[in-house]
Structure formats: structure tokens, C-alpha cells
Amino acid sequence: MVGMKLPELQKKLISAARMQTVSDRVPYAFEKRVMTCIRSCPAVDVTALWAQALWRSAGACLAVVTVLGAVSIFTPHSKPAPGDLSQDFEKTMLAALDSDYSR
């Protein structure tokens, strides 16, 4: 019943019941008892499903971060290249402006 909506199910059940001939074997107000039973079923809580999925993915993300952090810590690092990073960054950012003014 997860994929079917309650009003659609109700219409299908009522149309199927109307196609049947009247019989004494069916108790009085049977369809009302069936519909009451269907309505009493708990509705699917979408937010609970999302919360469960997000908690599971949080555990997987934590495992990935832990592995990557361990790899980052235990791998040998090469010596940094000589030079000032701030000056290299500034030259790179202003290179487009320098080429525009030189024309």
C-alpha cells in the first residue's frame, strides 16, 4: 500500500464492490468496516525515512573522512617550493588586468 494513495484505493474497492451482485452472505456495512480498517493504518512518515537515510550517510561520511585524514597524516610530504605564496597568488590574480592595460 505504500505506492497507492488512499482515495484511489477506496474508489477501486467501491467500484469492484458495486460490480458484484447483492448477496446475503455479505454482512451489513462490511465496506465501512473495511474502509475504517484501511484508514487506521499508520501513514508513511517521509521525514522519518529521510532522517534515517541521513544518519546512515553521516556514518559513511565519517568513515571516509577518517580514512582520508589518516592517509593525509601518514603520507610523507615534500618540501615546499621556495617563494612567497602570497606574491604568486597576487601575480596570478592581477595577470589578466596587466594584459588588458598593456594593449
C-alpha atoms as a PDB file:
ATOM      1  CA  MET A   1       0.000   0.000   0.000  1.00  0.00           C
ATOM      2  CA  VAL A   2       2.990   2.280   0.028  1.00  0.00           C
ATOM      3  CA  GLY A   3       2.695   3.171  -3.665  1.00  0.00           C
ATOM      4  CA  MET A   4      -1.112   3.562  -3.793  1.00  0.00           C
ATOM      5  CA  LYS A   5      -2.993   6.542  -2.451  1.00  0.00           C
ATOM      6  CA  LEU A   6      -5.960   6.022  -0.140  1.00  0.00           C
ATOM      7  CA  PRO A   7      -8.622   7.770  -2.282  1.00  0.00           C
ATOM      8  CA  GLU A   8      -7.599   5.724  -5.330  1.00  0.00           C
ATOM      9  CA  LEU A   9      -7.801   2.509  -3.328  1.00  0.00           C
ATOM     10  CA  GLN A  10     -11.184   3.495  -1.962  1.00  0.00           C
ATOM     11  CA  LYS A  11     -12.540   4.182  -5.462  1.00  0.00           C
ATOM     12  CA  LYS A  12     -11.225   0.855  -6.770  1.00  0.00           C
ATOM     13  CA  LEU A  13     -12.697  -1.105  -3.872  1.00  0.00           C
ATOM     14  CA  ILE A  14     -16.083   0.595  -4.140  1.00  0.00           C
ATOM     15  CA  SER A  15     -16.239   0.104  -7.916  1.00  0.00           C
ATOM     16  CA  ALA A  16     -15.305  -3.573  -7.521  1.00  0.00           C
ATOM     17  CA  ALA A  17     -17.957  -3.989  -4.822  1.00  0.00           C
ATOM     18  CA  ARG A  18     -20.637  -2.346  -6.969  1.00  0.00           C
ATOM     19  CA  MET A  19     -19.933  -4.766  -9.810  1.00  0.00           C
ATOM     20  CA  GLN A  20     -20.795  -7.711  -7.566  1.00  0.00           C
ATOM     21  CA  THR A  21     -24.379  -8.859  -7.146  1.00  0.00           C
ATOM     22  CA  VAL A  22     -26.069  -8.325  -3.819  1.00  0.00           C
ATOM     23  CA  SER A  23     -25.822 -11.385  -1.608  1.00  0.00           C
ATOM     24  CA  ASP A  24     -26.986 -12.324   1.856  1.00  0.00           C
ATOM     25  CA  ARG A  25     -23.530 -13.696   2.645  1.00  0.00           C
ATOM     26  CA  VAL A  26     -22.036 -10.195   2.997  1.00  0.00           C
ATOM     27  CA  PRO A  27     -22.650  -8.707   6.443  1.00  0.00           C
ATOM     28  CA  TYR A  28     -24.304  -5.311   6.807  1.00  0.00           C
ATOM     29  CA  ALA A  29     -21.891  -2.321   6.490  1.00  0.00           C
ATOM     30  CA  PHE A  30     -18.976  -4.586   5.665  1.00  0.00           C
ATOM     31  CA  GLU A  31     -17.411  -1.995   3.338  1.00  0.00           C
ATOM     32  CA  LYS A  32     -17.484   0.616   6.104  1.00  0.00           C
ATOM     33  CA  ARG A  33     -15.587  -1.721   8.424  1.00  0.00           C
ATOM     34  CA  VAL A  34     -13.023  -2.454   5.706  1.00  0.00           C
ATOM     35  CA  MET A  35     -12.518   1.238   4.944  1.00  0.00           C
ATOM     36  CA  THR A  36     -12.185   2.015   8.658  1.00  0.00           C
ATOM     37  CA  CYS A  37      -9.507  -0.642   8.920  1.00  0.00           C
ATOM     38  CA  ILE A  38      -7.664   0.787   5.910  1.00  0.00           C
ATOM     39  CA  ARG A  39      -7.796   4.331   7.322  1.00  0.00           C
ATOM     40  CA  SER A  40      -6.493   3.167  10.685  1.00  0.00           C
ATOM     41  CA  CYS A  41      -3.211   2.002   9.106  1.00  0.00           C
ATOM     42  CA  PRO A  42      -0.400   4.394  10.008  1.00  0.00           C
ATOM     43  CA  ALA A  43       0.690   6.782   7.282  1.00  0.00           C
ATOM     44  CA  VAL A  44       4.238   6.680   5.974  1.00  0.00           C
ATOM     45  CA  ASP A  45       6.349   9.323   7.670  1.00  0.00           C
ATOM     46  CA  VAL A  46       8.573  10.713   4.919  1.00  0.00           C
ATOM     47  CA  THR A  47      10.628  12.855   7.291  1.00  0.00           C
ATOM     48  CA  ALA A  48      11.475   9.789   9.387  1.00  0.00           C
ATOM     49  CA  LEU A  49      12.653   7.970   6.264  1.00  0.00           C
ATOM     50  CA  TRP A  50      14.848  10.955   5.307  1.00  0.00           C
ATOM     51  CA  ALA A  51      16.247  11.224   8.834  1.00  0.00           C
ATOM     52  CA  GLN A  52      17.140   7.535   8.863  1.00  0.00           C
ATOM     53  CA  ALA A  53      18.881   7.802   5.475  1.00  0.00           C
ATOM     54  CA  LEU A  54      20.803  10.918   6.543  1.00  0.00           C
ATOM     55  CA  TRP A  55      22.018   9.297   9.767  1.00  0.00           C
ATOM     56  CA  ARG A  56      23.244   6.281   7.812  1.00  0.00           C
ATOM     57  CA  SER A  57      25.044   8.510   5.316  1.00  0.00           C
ATOM     58  CA  ALA A  58      26.602  10.509   8.171  1.00  0.00           C
ATOM     59  CA  GLY A  59      28.274   7.330   9.418  1.00  0.00           C
ATOM     60  CA  ALA A  60      29.631   6.579   5.953  1.00  0.00           C
ATOM     61  CA  CYS A  61      30.913  10.156   5.581  1.00  0.00           C
ATOM     62  CA  LEU A  62      32.620   9.938   8.961  1.00  0.00           C
ATOM     63  CA  ALA A  63      34.383   6.746   7.892  1.00  0.00           C
ATOM     64  CA  VAL A  64      35.564   8.342   4.635  1.00  0.00           C
ATOM     65  CA  VAL A  65      36.846  11.449   6.456  1.00  0.00           C
ATOM     66  CA  THR A  66      38.702   9.278   8.965  1.00  0.00           C
ATOM     67  CA  VAL A  67      40.407   7.241   6.245  1.00  0.00           C
ATOM     68  CA  LEU A  68      41.348  10.334   4.232  1.00  0.00           C
ATOM     69  CA  GLY A  69      42.647  12.087   7.350  1.00  0.00           C
ATOM     70  CA  ALA A  70      44.812   9.092   8.234  1.00  0.00           C
ATOM     71  CA  VAL A  71      46.182   8.952   4.686  1.00  0.00           C
ATOM     72  CA  SER A  72      46.911  12.679   4.808  1.00  0.00           C
ATOM     73  CA  ILE A  73      48.709  12.437   8.127  1.00  0.00           C
ATOM     74  CA  PHE A  74      50.793   9.328   7.405  1.00  0.00           C
ATOM     75  CA  THR A  75      51.941  10.119   3.851  1.00  0.00           C
ATOM     76  CA  PRO A  76      55.350  11.788   3.549  1.00  0.00           C
ATOM     77  CA  HIS A  77      55.277  15.412   2.466  1.00  0.00           C
ATOM     78  CA  SER A  78      57.712  17.001   0.041  1.00  0.00           C
ATOM     79  CA  LYS A  79      59.433  20.255   0.926  1.00  0.00           C
ATOM     80  CA  PRO A  80      57.529  23.349  -0.139  1.00  0.00           C
ATOM     81  CA  ALA A  81      58.787  25.195  -3.176  1.00  0.00           C
ATOM     82  CA  PRO A  82      60.824  28.302  -2.393  1.00  0.00           C
ATOM     83  CA  GLY A  83      58.993  31.569  -2.839  1.00  0.00           C
ATOM     84  CA  ASP A  84      56.248  33.575  -1.291  1.00  0.00           C
ATOM     85  CA  LEU A  85      52.796  32.139  -1.905  1.00  0.00           C
ATOM     86  CA  SER A  86      51.074  35.485  -1.376  1.00  0.00           C
ATOM     87  CA  GLN A  87      53.181  37.105  -4.112  1.00  0.00           C
ATOM     88  CA  ASP A  88      52.494  34.237  -6.532  1.00  0.00           C
ATOM     89  CA  PHE A  89      48.782  34.493  -5.797  1.00  0.00           C
ATOM     90  CA  GLU A  90      48.751  38.243  -6.356  1.00  0.00           C
ATOM     91  CA  LYS A  91      50.622  37.930  -9.662  1.00  0.00           C
ATOM     92  CA  THR A  92      48.183  35.295 -10.850  1.00  0.00           C
ATOM     93  CA  MET A  93      45.108  37.308  -9.907  1.00  0.00           C
ATOM     94  CA  LEU A  94      46.413  40.521 -11.472  1.00  0.00           C
ATOM     95  CA  ALA A  95      47.786  38.889 -14.643  1.00  0.00           C
ATOM     96  CA  ALA A  96      44.504  39.469 -16.502  1.00  0.00           C
ATOM     97  CA  LEU A  97      44.481  43.153 -15.581  1.00  0.00           C
ATOM     98  CA  ASP A  98      48.118  43.626 -16.620  1.00  0.00           C
ATOM     99  CA  SER A  99      47.446  42.127 -20.043  1.00  0.00           C
ATOM    100  CA  ASP A 100      44.424  44.413 -20.560  1.00  0.00           C
ATOM    101  CA  TYR A 101      46.398  47.579 -19.767  1.00  0.00           C
ATOM    102  CA  SER A 102      49.369  46.649 -21.931  1.00  0.00           C
ATOM    103  CA  ARG A 103      47.273  46.701 -25.120  1.00  0.00           C
END
